[in-house]
């Protein structure tokens, strides 16, 4: 994702990799946030929405489902959605109880650009 994003931004600026301009400099010039940050914002926005729902709603019931007896394939174990959310929350320094205050949550997860 990052590579395709930077290729498009370089093309829009009229620069190539041979110009040896840093990715951050190009993002600053274009006033664009990175794809990683925008994806993190979208995941956390959805997480906040789900956490504010009633505990008996179908979306909330799905997070309590157990994966007992589930056989994973060979290779590196894939990350669960909960693991990714915990990593995202640690990166932005958020706690689960902050989701109840929608205004604060939206301000804290907002990525400029």
PDB file of N, CA and C in Angstrom:
ATOM      1  N   UNK A   1       0.824  -1.191   0.000  1.00  0.00           N
ATOM      2  CA  UNK A   1       0.000   0.000   0.000  1.00  0.00           C
ATOM      3  C   UNK A   1       0.868   1.255   0.000  1.00  0.00           C
ATOM      4  N   UNK A   2       1.874   1.242   0.860  1.00  0.00           N
ATOM      5  CA  UNK A   2       2.722   2.435   0.959  1.00  0.00           C
ATOM      6  C   UNK A   2       3.436   2.720  -0.357  1.00  0.00           C
ATOM      7  N   UNK A   3       3.861   1.658  -1.022  1.00  0.00           N
ATOM      8  CA  UNK A   3       4.621   1.842  -2.255  1.00  0.00           C
ATOM      9  C   UNK A   3       3.742   2.446  -3.341  1.00  0.00           C
ATOM     10  N   UNK A   4       2.531   1.917  -3.486  1.00  0.00           N
ATOM     11  CA  UNK A   4       1.617   2.454  -4.500  1.00  0.00           C
ATOM     12  C   UNK A   4       1.255   3.900  -4.179  1.00  0.00           C
ATOM     13  N   UNK A   5       1.029   4.178  -2.893  1.00  0.00           N
ATOM     14  CA  UNK A   5       0.697   5.545  -2.478  1.00  0.00           C
ATOM     15  C   UNK A   5       1.825   6.508  -2.846  1.00  0.00           C
ATOM     16  N   UNK A   6       3.047   6.144  -2.518  1.00  0.00           N
ATOM     17  CA  UNK A   6       4.167   7.039  -2.782  1.00  0.00           C
ATOM     18  C   UNK A   6       4.431   7.183  -4.282  1.00  0.00           C
ATOM     19  N   UNK A   7       4.201   6.124  -5.034  1.00  0.00           N
ATOM     20  CA  UNK A   7       4.378   6.221  -6.484  1.00  0.00           C
ATOM     21  C   UNK A   7       3.407   7.246  -7.069  1.00  0.00           C
ATOM     22  N   UNK A   8       2.154   7.208  -6.595  1.00  0.00           N
ATOM     23  CA  UNK A   8       1.167   8.176  -7.092  1.00  0.00           C
ATOM     24  C   UNK A   8       1.504   9.594  -6.648  1.00  0.00           C
ATOM     25  N   UNK A   9       1.927   9.758  -5.396  1.00  0.00           N
ATOM     26  CA  UNK A   9       2.264  11.097  -4.912  1.00  0.00           C
ATOM     27  C   UNK A   9       3.470  11.665  -5.660  1.00  0.00           C
ATOM     28  N   UNK A  10       4.467  10.819  -5.915  1.00  0.00           N
ATOM     29  CA  UNK A  10       5.632  11.283  -6.675  1.00  0.00           C
ATOM     30  C   UNK A  10       5.223  11.690  -8.088  1.00  0.00           C
ATOM     31  N   UNK A  11       4.336  10.910  -8.695  1.00  0.00           N
ATOM     32  CA  UNK A  11       3.867  11.225 -10.035  1.00  0.00           C
ATOM     33  C   UNK A  11       3.118  12.559 -10.041  1.00  0.00           C
ATOM     34  N   UNK A  12       2.294  12.798  -9.012  1.00  0.00           N
ATOM     35  CA  UNK A  12       1.543  14.050  -8.931  1.00  0.00           C
ATOM     36  C   UNK A  12       2.473  15.243  -8.730  1.00  0.00           C
ATOM     37  N   UNK A  13       3.568  15.045  -8.010  1.00  0.00           N
ATOM     38  CA  UNK A  13       4.539  16.128  -7.779  1.00  0.00           C
ATOM     39  C   UNK A  13       5.479  16.316  -8.964  1.00  0.00           C
ATOM     40  N   UNK A  14       5.582  15.316  -9.809  1.00  0.00           N
ATOM     41  CA  UNK A  14       6.509  15.397 -10.925  1.00  0.00           C
ATOM     42  C   UNK A  14       7.915  14.970 -10.557  1.00  0.00           C
ATOM     43  N   UNK A  15       8.045  14.177  -9.495  1.00  0.00           N
ATOM     44  CA  UNK A  15       9.351  13.688  -9.065  1.00  0.00           C
ATOM     45  C   UNK A  15       9.441  12.190  -9.296  1.00  0.00           C
ATOM     46  N   UNK A  16      10.664  11.713  -9.449  1.00  0.00           N
ATOM     47  CA  UNK A  16      10.905  10.279  -9.548  1.00  0.00           C
ATOM     48  C   UNK A  16      11.784   9.866  -8.371  1.00  0.00           C
ATOM     49  N   UNK A  17      11.991   8.571  -8.241  1.00  0.00           N
ATOM     50  CA  UNK A  17      12.856   8.093  -7.163  1.00  0.00           C
ATOM     51  C   UNK A  17      14.294   8.532  -7.387  1.00  0.00           C
ATOM     52  N   UNK A  18      14.657   8.774  -8.611  1.00  0.00           N
ATOM     53  CA  UNK A  18      16.020   9.237  -8.903  1.00  0.00           C
ATOM     54  C   UNK A  18      16.281  10.622  -8.337  1.00  0.00           C
ATOM     55  N   UNK A  19      15.228  11.397  -8.106  1.00  0.00           N
ATOM     56  CA  UNK A  19      15.395  12.726  -7.518  1.00  0.00           C
ATOM     57  C   UNK A  19      15.805  12.650  -6.049  1.00  0.00           C
ATOM     58  N   UNK A  20      15.640  11.477  -5.440  1.00  0.00           N
ATOM     59  CA  UNK A  20      16.048  11.209  -4.059  1.00  0.00           C
ATOM     60  C   UNK A  20      15.440  12.203  -3.069  1.00  0.00           C
ATOM     61  N   UNK A  21      14.141  12.378  -3.167  1.00  0.00           N
ATOM     62  CA  UNK A  21      13.405  13.215  -2.221  1.00  0.00           C
ATOM     63  C   UNK A  21      12.691  12.279  -1.258  1.00  0.00           C
ATOM     64  N   UNK A  22      12.807  12.561   0.022  1.00  0.00           N
ATOM     65  CA  UNK A  22      12.233  11.684   1.043  1.00  0.00           C
ATOM     66  C   UNK A  22      10.705  11.645   0.949  1.00  0.00           C
ATOM     67  N   UNK A  23      10.151  10.490   1.342  1.00  0.00           N
ATOM     68  CA  UNK A  23       8.702  10.314   1.310  1.00  0.00           C
ATOM     69  C   UNK A  23       7.997  11.325   2.201  1.00  0.00           C
ATOM     70  N   UNK A  24       8.551  11.573   3.381  1.00  0.00           N
ATOM     71  CA  UNK A  24       7.929  12.530   4.300  1.00  0.00           C
ATOM     72  C   UNK A  24       7.885  13.929   3.705  1.00  0.00           C
ATOM     73  N   UNK A  25       8.938  14.298   2.976  1.00  0.00           N
ATOM     74  CA  UNK A  25       8.955  15.617   2.341  1.00  0.00           C
ATOM     75  C   UNK A  25       7.865  15.730   1.276  1.00  0.00           C
ATOM     76  N   UNK A  26       7.672  14.660   0.524  1.00  0.00           N
ATOM     77  CA  UNK A  26       6.629  14.678  -0.507  1.00  0.00           C
ATOM     78  C   UNK A  26       5.250  14.733   0.134  1.00  0.00           C
ATOM     79  N   UNK A  27       5.038  13.947   1.204  1.00  0.00           N
ATOM     80  CA  UNK A  27       3.748  13.987   1.905  1.00  0.00           C
ATOM     81  C   UNK A  27       3.474  15.372   2.476  1.00  0.00           C
ATOM     82  N   UNK A  28       4.505  16.011   3.037  1.00  0.00           N
ATOM     83  CA  UNK A  28       4.336  17.362   3.576  1.00  0.00           C
ATOM     84  C   UNK A  28       3.993  18.355   2.471  1.00  0.00           C
ATOM     85  N   UNK A  29       4.652  18.229   1.342  1.00  0.00           N
ATOM     86  CA  UNK A  29       4.398  19.137   0.222  1.00  0.00           C
ATOM     87  C   UNK A  29       2.966  18.971  -0.296  1.00  0.00           C
ATOM     88  N   UNK A  30       2.483  17.726  -0.345  1.00  0.00           N
ATOM     89  CA  UNK A  30       1.138  17.449  -0.844  1.00  0.00           C
ATOM     90  C   UNK A  30       0.070  17.598   0.244  1.00  0.00           C
ATOM     91  N   UNK A  31       0.509  17.757   1.506  1.00  0.00           N
ATOM     92  CA  UNK A  31      -0.387  17.865   2.664  1.00  0.00           C
ATOM     93  C   UNK A  31      -1.319  16.651   2.753  1.00  0.00           C
ATOM     94  N   UNK A  32      -0.700  15.460   2.718  1.00  0.00           N
ATOM     95  CA  UNK A  32      -1.433  14.204   2.743  1.00  0.00           C
ATOM     96  C   UNK A  32      -0.895  13.351   3.886  1.00  0.00           C
ATOM     97  N   UNK A  33      -1.790  12.703   4.608  1.00  0.00           N
ATOM     98  CA  UNK A  33      -1.382  11.769   5.657  1.00  0.00           C
ATOM     99  C   UNK A  33      -1.064  10.419   5.016  1.00  0.00           C
ATOM    100  N   UNK A  34      -0.311   9.598   5.711  1.00  0.00           N
ATOM    101  CA  UNK A  34       0.051   8.293   5.158  1.00  0.00           C
ATOM    102  C   UNK A  34      -1.163   7.362   5.164  1.00  0.00           C
ATOM    103  N   UNK A  35      -1.125   6.380   4.290  1.00  0.00           N
ATOM    104  CA  UNK A  35      -2.213   5.415   4.193  1.00  0.00           C
ATOM    105  C   UNK A  35      -2.340   4.642   5.497  1.00  0.00           C
ATOM    106  N   UNK A  36      -1.225   4.306   6.125  1.00  0.00           N
ATOM    107  CA  UNK A  36      -1.261   3.587   7.403  1.00  0.00           C
ATOM    108  C   UNK A  36      -2.049   4.363   8.447  1.00  0.00           C
ATOM    109  N   UNK A  37      -1.788   5.669   8.543  1.00  0.00           N
ATOM    110  CA  UNK A  37      -2.479   6.491   9.534  1.00  0.00           C
ATOM    111  C   UNK A  37      -3.970   6.579   9.244  1.00  0.00           C
ATOM    112  N   UNK A  38      -4.337   6.718   7.977  1.00  0.00           N
ATOM    113  CA  UNK A  38      -5.749   6.804   7.616  1.00  0.00           C
ATOM    114  C   UNK A  38      -6.457   5.473   7.859  1.00  0.00           C
ATOM    115  N   UNK A  39      -5.776   4.358   7.623  1.00  0.00           N
ATOM    116  CA  UNK A  39      -6.372   3.052   7.901  1.00  0.00           C
ATOM    117  C   UNK A  39      -6.553   2.858   9.399  1.00  0.00           C
ATOM    118  N   UNK A  40      -5.572   3.308  10.192  1.00  0.00           N
ATOM    119  CA  UNK A  40      -5.685   3.229  11.640  1.00  0.00           C
ATOM    120  C   UNK A  40      -6.878   4.059  12.119  1.00  0.00           C
ATOM    121  N   UNK A  41      -7.029   5.248  11.552  1.00  0.00           N
ATOM    122  CA  UNK A  41      -8.155   6.106  11.924  1.00  0.00           C
ATOM    123  C   UNK A  41      -9.491   5.419  11.616  1.00  0.00           C
ATOM    124  N   UNK A  42      -9.607   4.792  10.459  1.00  0.00           N
ATOM    125  CA  UNK A  42     -10.849   4.120  10.080  1.00  0.00           C
ATOM    126  C   UNK A  42     -11.143   2.938  11.001  1.00  0.00           C
ATOM    127  N   UNK A  43     -10.107   2.148  11.331  1.00  0.00           N
ATOM    128  CA  UNK A  43     -10.316   1.011  12.238  1.00  0.00           C
ATOM    129  C   UNK A  43     -10.768   1.480  13.607  1.00  0.00           C
ATOM    130  N   UNK A  44     -10.124   2.524  14.126  1.00  0.00           N
ATOM    131  CA  UNK A  44     -10.484   3.017  15.454  1.00  0.00           C
ATOM    132  C   UNK A  44     -11.854   3.687  15.452  1.00  0.00           C
ATOM    133  N   UNK A  45     -12.224   4.327  14.354  1.00  0.00           N
ATOM    134  CA  UNK A  45     -13.552   4.934  14.270  1.00  0.00           C
ATOM    135  C   UNK A  45     -14.622   3.843  14.333  1.00  0.00           C
ATOM    136  N   UNK A  46     -14.411   2.735  13.604  1.00  0.00           N
ATOM    137  CA  UNK A  46     -15.354   1.622  13.638  1.00  0.00           C
ATOM    138  C   UNK A  46     -15.378   0.979  15.027  1.00  0.00           C
ATOM    139  N   UNK A  47     -14.221   0.819  15.642  1.00  0.00           N
ATOM    140  CA  UNK A  47     -14.151   0.236  16.981  1.00  0.00           C
ATOM    141  C   UNK A  47     -14.944   1.075  17.976  1.00  0.00           C
ATOM    142  N   UNK A  48     -14.807   2.391  17.910  1.00  0.00           N
ATOM    143  CA  UNK A  48     -15.569   3.270  18.793  1.00  0.00           C
ATOM    144  C   UNK A  48     -17.059   3.133  18.562  1.00  0.00           C
ATOM    145  N   UNK A  49     -17.465   3.021  17.306  1.00  0.00           N
ATOM    146  CA  UNK A  49     -18.877   2.846  16.972  1.00  0.00           C
ATOM    147  C   UNK A  49     -19.414   1.554  17.580  1.00  0.00           C
ATOM    148  N   UNK A  50     -18.658   0.474  17.439  1.00  0.00           N
ATOM    149  CA  UNK A  50     -19.081  -0.825  17.963  1.00  0.00           C
ATOM    150  C   UNK A  50     -19.151  -0.792  19.482  1.00  0.00           C
ATOM    151  N   UNK A  51     -18.183  -0.172  20.140  1.00  0.00           N
ATOM    152  CA  UNK A  51     -18.149  -0.152  21.599  1.00  0.00           C
ATOM    153  C   UNK A  51     -19.291   0.662  22.195  1.00  0.00           C
ATOM    154  N   UNK A  52     -19.802   1.634  21.457  1.00  0.00           N
ATOM    155  CA  UNK A  52     -20.918   2.434  21.968  1.00  0.00           C
ATOM    156  C   UNK A  52     -22.264   1.749  21.769  1.00  0.00           C
ATOM    157  N   UNK A  53     -22.295   0.653  21.016  1.00  0.00           N
ATOM    158  CA  UNK A  53     -23.541  -0.078  20.792  1.00  0.00           C
ATOM    159  C   UNK A  53     -23.946  -0.829  22.053  1.00  0.00           C
ATOM    160  N   UNK A  54     -25.207  -1.253  22.088  1.00  0.00           N
ATOM    161  CA  UNK A  54     -25.736  -2.052  23.183  1.00  0.00           C
ATOM    162  C   UNK A  54     -24.983  -3.385  23.240  1.00  0.00           C
ATOM    163  N   UNK A  55     -24.776  -3.892  24.439  1.00  0.00           N
ATOM    164  CA  UNK A  55     -24.004  -5.129  24.619  1.00  0.00           C
ATOM    165  C   UNK A  55     -24.681  -6.321  23.936  1.00  0.00           C
ATOM    166  N   UNK A  56     -26.006  -6.261  23.735  1.00  0.00           N
ATOM    167  CA  UNK A  56     -26.733  -7.370  23.117  1.00  0.00           C
ATOM    168  C   UNK A  56     -26.891  -7.224  21.609  1.00  0.00           C
ATOM    169  N   UNK A  57     -26.339  -6.186  21.021  1.00  0.00           N
ATOM    170  CA  UNK A  57     -26.461  -6.027  19.568  1.00  0.00           C
ATOM    171  C   UNK A  57     -25.610  -7.098  18.881  1.00  0.00           C
ATOM    172  N   UNK A  58     -25.998  -7.502  17.676  1.00  0.00           N
ATOM    173  CA  UNK A  58     -25.251  -8.572  16.986  1.00  0.00           C
ATOM    174  C   UNK A  58     -23.770  -8.257  16.792  1.00  0.00           C
ATOM    175  N   UNK A  59     -23.450  -6.998  16.575  1.00  0.00           N
ATOM    176  CA  UNK A  59     -22.043  -6.633  16.380  1.00  0.00           C
ATOM    177  C   UNK A  59     -21.245  -6.892  17.645  1.00  0.00           C
ATOM    178  N   UNK A  60     -21.800  -6.563  18.790  1.00  0.00           N
ATOM    179  CA  UNK A  60     -21.094  -6.776  20.060  1.00  0.00           C
ATOM    180  C   UNK A  60     -21.019  -8.254  20.407  1.00  0.00           C
ATOM    181  N   UNK A  61     -22.035  -9.044  20.020  1.00  0.00           N
ATOM    182  CA  UNK A  61     -21.998 -10.473  20.311  1.00  0.00           C
ATOM    183  C   UNK A  61     -20.878 -11.161  19.540  1.00  0.00           C
ATOM    184  N   UNK A  62     -20.562 -10.665  18.363  1.00  0.00           N
ATOM    185  CA  UNK A  62     -19.501 -11.277  17.540  1.00  0.00           C
ATOM    186  C   UNK A  62     -18.138 -11.175  18.214  1.00  0.00           C
ATOM    187  N   UNK A  63     -17.903 -10.119  18.970  1.00  0.00           N
ATOM    188  CA  UNK A  63     -16.590  -9.975  19.603  1.00  0.00           C
ATOM    189  C   UNK A  63     -16.402 -10.948  20.758  1.00  0.00           C
ATOM    190  N   UNK A  64     -17.504 -11.514  21.263  1.00  0.00           N
ATOM    191  CA  UNK A  64     -17.402 -12.468  22.368  1.00  0.00           C
ATOM    192  C   UNK A  64     -17.335 -13.918  21.895  1.00  0.00           C
ATOM    193  N   UNK A  65     -17.457 -14.138  20.599  1.00  0.00           N
ATOM    194  CA  UNK A  65     -17.413 -15.507  20.087  1.00  0.00           C
ATOM    195  C   UNK A  65     -16.033 -16.106  20.312  1.00  0.00           C
ATOM    196  N   UNK A  66     -16.013 -17.328  20.744  1.00  0.00           N
ATOM    197  CA  UNK A  66     -14.740 -18.017  20.944  1.00  0.00           C
ATOM    198  C   UNK A  66     -14.327 -18.753  19.684  1.00  0.00           C
ATOM    199  N   UNK A  67     -13.063 -18.902  19.508  1.00  0.00           N
ATOM    200  CA  UNK A  67     -12.534 -19.621  18.355  1.00  0.00           C
ATOM    201  C   UNK A  67     -11.965 -20.964  18.808  1.00  0.00           C
ATOM    202  N   UNK A  68     -12.582 -21.576  19.818  1.00  0.00           N
ATOM    203  CA  UNK A  68     -12.097 -22.851  20.334  1.00  0.00           C
ATOM    204  C   UNK A  68     -12.235 -23.935  19.268  1.00  0.00           C
ATOM    205  N   UNK A  69     -11.206 -24.719  19.120  1.00  0.00           N
ATOM    206  CA  UNK A  69     -11.224 -25.814  18.172  1.00  0.00           C
ATOM    207  C   UNK A  69     -10.967 -25.395  16.742  1.00  0.00           C
ATOM    208  N   UNK A  70     -10.694 -24.133  16.523  1.00  0.00           N
ATOM    209  CA  UNK A  70     -10.430 -23.642  15.171  1.00  0.00           C
ATOM    210  C   UNK A  70      -9.004 -23.988  14.788  1.00  0.00           C
ATOM    211  N   UNK A  71      -8.850 -24.692  13.682  1.00  0.00           N
ATOM    212  CA  UNK A  71      -7.522 -25.093  13.225  1.00  0.00           C
ATOM    213  C   UNK A  71      -6.977 -24.041  12.272  1.00  0.00           C
ATOM    214  N   UNK A  72      -5.846 -23.506  12.614  1.00  0.00           N
ATOM    215  CA  UNK A  72      -5.181 -22.564  11.719  1.00  0.00           C
ATOM    216  C   UNK A  72      -4.273 -23.336  10.778  1.00  0.00           C
ATOM    217  N   UNK A  73      -4.014 -22.752   9.642  1.00  0.00           N
ATOM    218  CA  UNK A  73      -3.120 -23.378   8.678  1.00  0.00           C
ATOM    219  C   UNK A  73      -1.671 -23.229   9.106  1.00  0.00           C
ATOM    220  N   UNK A  74      -0.798 -23.710   8.258  1.00  0.00           N
ATOM    221  CA  UNK A  74       0.622 -23.612   8.546  1.00  0.00           C
ATOM    222  C   UNK A  74       1.108 -22.196   8.333  1.00  0.00           C
ATOM    223  N   UNK A  75       2.259 -21.908   8.911  1.00  0.00           N
ATOM    224  CA  UNK A  75       2.871 -20.599   8.709  1.00  0.00           C
ATOM    225  C   UNK A  75       2.629 -19.659   9.877  1.00  0.00           C
ATOM    226  N   UNK A  76       2.960 -18.413   9.639  1.00  0.00           N
ATOM    227  CA  UNK A  76       2.819 -17.394  10.680  1.00  0.00           C
ATOM    228  C   UNK A  76       1.339 -17.187  11.000  1.00  0.00           C
ATOM    229  N   UNK A  77       0.987 -17.156  12.291  1.00  0.00           N
ATOM    230  CA  UNK A  77      -0.415 -16.926  12.638  1.00  0.00           C
ATOM    231  C   UNK A  77      -0.852 -15.521  12.241  1.00  0.00           C
ATOM    232  N   UNK A  78      -2.029 -15.424  11.684  1.00  0.00           N
ATOM    233  CA  UNK A  78      -2.561 -14.131  11.288  1.00  0.00           C
ATOM    234  C   UNK A  78      -3.050 -13.397  12.514  1.00  0.00           C
ATOM    235  N   UNK A  79      -3.050 -12.083  12.431  1.00  0.00           N
ATOM    236  CA  UNK A  79      -3.496 -11.279  13.558  1.00  0.00           C
ATOM    237  C   UNK A  79      -5.012 -11.222  13.577  1.00  0.00           C
ATOM    238  N   UNK A  80      -5.564 -11.295  14.773  1.00  0.00           N
ATOM    239  CA  UNK A  80      -6.988 -11.080  14.945  1.00  0.00           C
ATOM    240  C   UNK A  80      -7.259  -9.585  14.952  1.00  0.00           C
ATOM    241  N   UNK A  81      -8.505  -9.230  14.660  1.00  0.00           N
ATOM    242  CA  UNK A  81      -8.894  -7.828  14.626  1.00  0.00           C
ATOM    243  C   UNK A  81      -8.643  -7.167  15.980  1.00  0.00           C
ATOM    244  N   UNK A  82      -8.919  -7.890  17.058  1.00  0.00           N
ATOM    245  CA  UNK A  82      -8.705  -7.343  18.399  1.00  0.00           C
ATOM    246  C   UNK A  82      -7.250  -7.010  18.665  1.00  0.00           C
ATOM    247  N   UNK A  83      -6.347  -7.833  18.164  1.00  0.00           N
ATOM    248  CA  UNK A  83      -4.916  -7.568  18.343  1.00  0.00           C
ATOM    249  C   UNK A  83      -4.495  -6.306  17.603  1.00  0.00           C
ATOM    250  N   UNK A  84      -5.017  -6.132  16.402  1.00  0.00           N
ATOM    251  CA  UNK A  84      -4.685  -4.945  15.611  1.00  0.00           C
ATOM    252  C   UNK A  84      -5.231  -3.695  16.301  1.00  0.00           C
ATOM    253  N   UNK A  85      -6.447  -3.783  16.839  1.00  0.00           N
ATOM    254  CA  UNK A  85      -7.057  -2.637  17.528  1.00  0.00           C
ATOM    255  C   UNK A  85      -6.254  -2.286  18.778  1.00  0.00           C
ATOM    256  N   UNK A  86      -5.828  -3.295  19.536  1.00  0.00           N
ATOM    257  CA  UNK A  86      -5.020  -3.018  20.735  1.00  0.00           C
ATOM    258  C   UNK A  86      -3.718  -2.316  20.366  1.00  0.00           C
ATOM    259  N   UNK A  87      -3.089  -2.747  19.274  1.00  0.00           N
ATOM    260  CA  UNK A  87      -1.859  -2.102  18.819  1.00  0.00           C
ATOM    261  C   UNK A  87      -2.129  -0.663  18.379  1.00  0.00           C
ATOM    262  N   UNK A  88      -3.229  -0.456  17.660  1.00  0.00           N
ATOM    263  CA  UNK A  88      -3.587   0.895  17.217  1.00  0.00           C
ATOM    264  C   UNK A  88      -3.869   1.804  18.407  1.00  0.00           C
ATOM    265  N   UNK A  89      -4.581   1.293  19.403  1.00  0.00           N
ATOM    266  CA  UNK A  89      -4.906   2.105  20.579  1.00  0.00           C
ATOM    267  C   UNK A  89      -3.648   2.452  21.359  1.00  0.00           C
ATOM    268  N   UNK A  90      -2.708   1.531  21.440  1.00  0.00           N
ATOM    269  CA  UNK A  90      -1.450   1.819  22.128  1.00  0.00           C
ATOM    270  C   UNK A  90      -0.656   2.874  21.362  1.00  0.00           C
ATOM    271  N   UNK A  91      -0.706   2.821  20.046  1.00  0.00           N
ATOM    272  CA  UNK A  91       0.026   3.782  19.220  1.00  0.00           C
ATOM    273  C   UNK A  91      -0.504   5.201  19.417  1.00  0.00           C
ATOM    274  N   UNK A  92      -1.825   5.336  19.564  1.00  0.00           N
ATOM    275  CA  UNK A  92      -2.453   6.652  19.705  1.00  0.00           C
ATOM    276  C   UNK A  92      -2.664   7.005  21.180  1.00  0.00           C
ATOM    277  N   UNK A  93      -2.310   6.089  22.076  1.00  0.00           N
ATOM    278  CA  UNK A  93      -2.433   6.273  23.527  1.00  0.00           C
ATOM    279  C   UNK A  93      -3.886   6.481  23.939  1.00  0.00           C
ATOM    280  N   UNK A  94      -4.721   5.502  23.598  1.00  0.00           N
ATOM    281  CA  UNK A  94      -6.135   5.520  23.947  1.00  0.00           C
ATOM    282  C   UNK A  94      -6.452   4.341  24.849  1.00  0.00           C
ATOM    283  N   UNK A  95      -7.545   4.459  25.587  1.00  0.00           N
ATOM    284  CA  UNK A  95      -8.040   3.350  26.391  1.00  0.00           C
ATOM    285  C   UNK A  95      -9.450   3.009  25.938  1.00  0.00           C
ATOM    286  N   UNK A  96      -9.892   1.807  26.289  1.00  0.00           N
ATOM    287  CA  UNK A  96     -11.191   1.327  25.842  1.00  0.00           C
ATOM    288  C   UNK A  96     -12.339   2.160  26.404  1.00  0.00           C
ATOM    289  N   UNK A  97     -12.183   2.683  27.619  1.00  0.00           N
ATOM    290  CA  UNK A  97     -13.276   3.462  28.213  1.00  0.00           C
ATOM    291  C   UNK A  97     -13.434   4.837  27.565  1.00  0.00           C
ATOM    292  N   UNK A  98     -12.450   5.286  26.796  1.00  0.00           N
ATOM    293  CA  UNK A  98     -12.572   6.568  26.098  1.00  0.00           C
ATOM    294  C   UNK A  98     -13.593   6.501  24.966  1.00  0.00           C
ATOM    295  N   UNK A  99     -13.954   5.293  24.527  1.00  0.00           N
ATOM    296  CA  UNK A  99     -14.899   5.161  23.418  1.00  0.00           C
ATOM    297  C   UNK A  99     -16.277   5.693  23.777  1.00  0.00           C
ATOM    298  N   UNK A 100     -16.605   5.730  25.058  1.00  0.00           N
ATOM    299  CA  UNK A 100     -17.936   6.174  25.467  1.00  0.00           C
ATOM    300  C   UNK A 100     -18.152   7.658  25.220  1.00  0.00           C
ATOM    301  N   UNK A 101     -17.090   8.446  25.215  1.00  0.00           N
ATOM    302  CA  UNK A 101     -17.187   9.875  24.911  1.00  0.00           C
ATOM    303  C   UNK A 101     -16.858  10.055  23.429  1.00  0.00           C
ATOM    304  N   UNK A 102     -17.900  10.113  22.607  1.00  0.00           N
ATOM    305  CA  UNK A 102     -17.714  10.133  21.157  1.00  0.00           C
ATOM    306  C   UNK A 102     -16.894  11.331  20.686  1.00  0.00           C
ATOM    307  N   UNK A 103     -17.153  12.496  21.238  1.00  0.00           N
ATOM    308  CA  UNK A 103     -16.425  13.696  20.825  1.00  0.00           C
ATOM    309  C   UNK A 103     -14.935  13.583  21.092  1.00  0.00           C
ATOM    310  N   UNK A 104     -14.588  13.159  22.298  1.00  0.00           N
ATOM    311  CA  UNK A 104     -13.179  12.979  22.653  1.00  0.00           C
ATOM    312  C   UNK A 104     -12.531  11.926  21.760  1.00  0.00           C
ATOM    313  N   UNK A 105     -13.247  10.819  21.549  1.00  0.00           N
ATOM    314  CA  UNK A 105     -12.719   9.727  20.741  1.00  0.00           C
ATOM    315  C   UNK A 105     -12.400  10.201  19.330  1.00  0.00           C
ATOM    316  N   UNK A 106     -13.330  10.932  18.708  1.00  0.00           N
ATOM    317  CA  UNK A 106     -13.125  11.397  17.339  1.00  0.00           C
ATOM    318  C   UNK A 106     -11.960  12.376  17.251  1.00  0.00           C
ATOM    319  N   UNK A 107     -11.811  13.221  18.265  1.00  0.00           N
ATOM    320  CA  UNK A 107     -10.696  14.177  18.271  1.00  0.00           C
ATOM    321  C   UNK A 107      -9.366  13.442  18.395  1.00  0.00           C
ATOM    322  N   UNK A 108      -9.317  12.438  19.264  1.00  0.00           N
ATOM    323  CA  UNK A 108      -8.058  11.742  19.526  1.00  0.00           C
ATOM    324  C   UNK A 108      -7.603  10.860  18.366  1.00  0.00           C
ATOM    325  N   UNK A 109      -8.558  10.302  17.588  1.00  0.00           N
ATOM    326  CA  UNK A 109      -8.156   9.406  16.500  1.00  0.00           C
ATOM    327  C   UNK A 109      -7.944  10.148  15.193  1.00  0.00           C
ATOM    328  N   UNK A 110      -8.300  11.409  15.134  1.00  0.00           N
ATOM    329  CA  UNK A 110      -8.251  12.188  13.884  1.00  0.00           C
ATOM    330  C   UNK A 110      -6.823  12.327  13.375  1.00  0.00           C
ATOM    331  N   UNK A 111      -6.649  12.052  12.084  1.00  0.00           N
ATOM    332  CA  UNK A 111      -5.360  12.209  11.414  1.00  0.00           C
ATOM    333  C   UNK A 111      -5.498  13.368  10.444  1.00  0.00           C
ATOM    334  N   UNK A 112      -4.629  14.334  10.566  1.00  0.00           N
ATOM    335  CA  UNK A 112      -4.673  15.494   9.669  1.00  0.00           C
ATOM    336  C   UNK A 112      -4.093  15.123   8.319  1.00  0.00           C
ATOM    337  N   UNK A 113      -4.747  15.569   7.280  1.00  0.00           N
ATOM    338  CA  UNK A 113      -4.210  15.352   5.941  1.00  0.00           C
ATOM    339  C   UNK A 113      -5.123  14.624   5.038  1.00  0.00           C
TER     340      UNK A 113
END
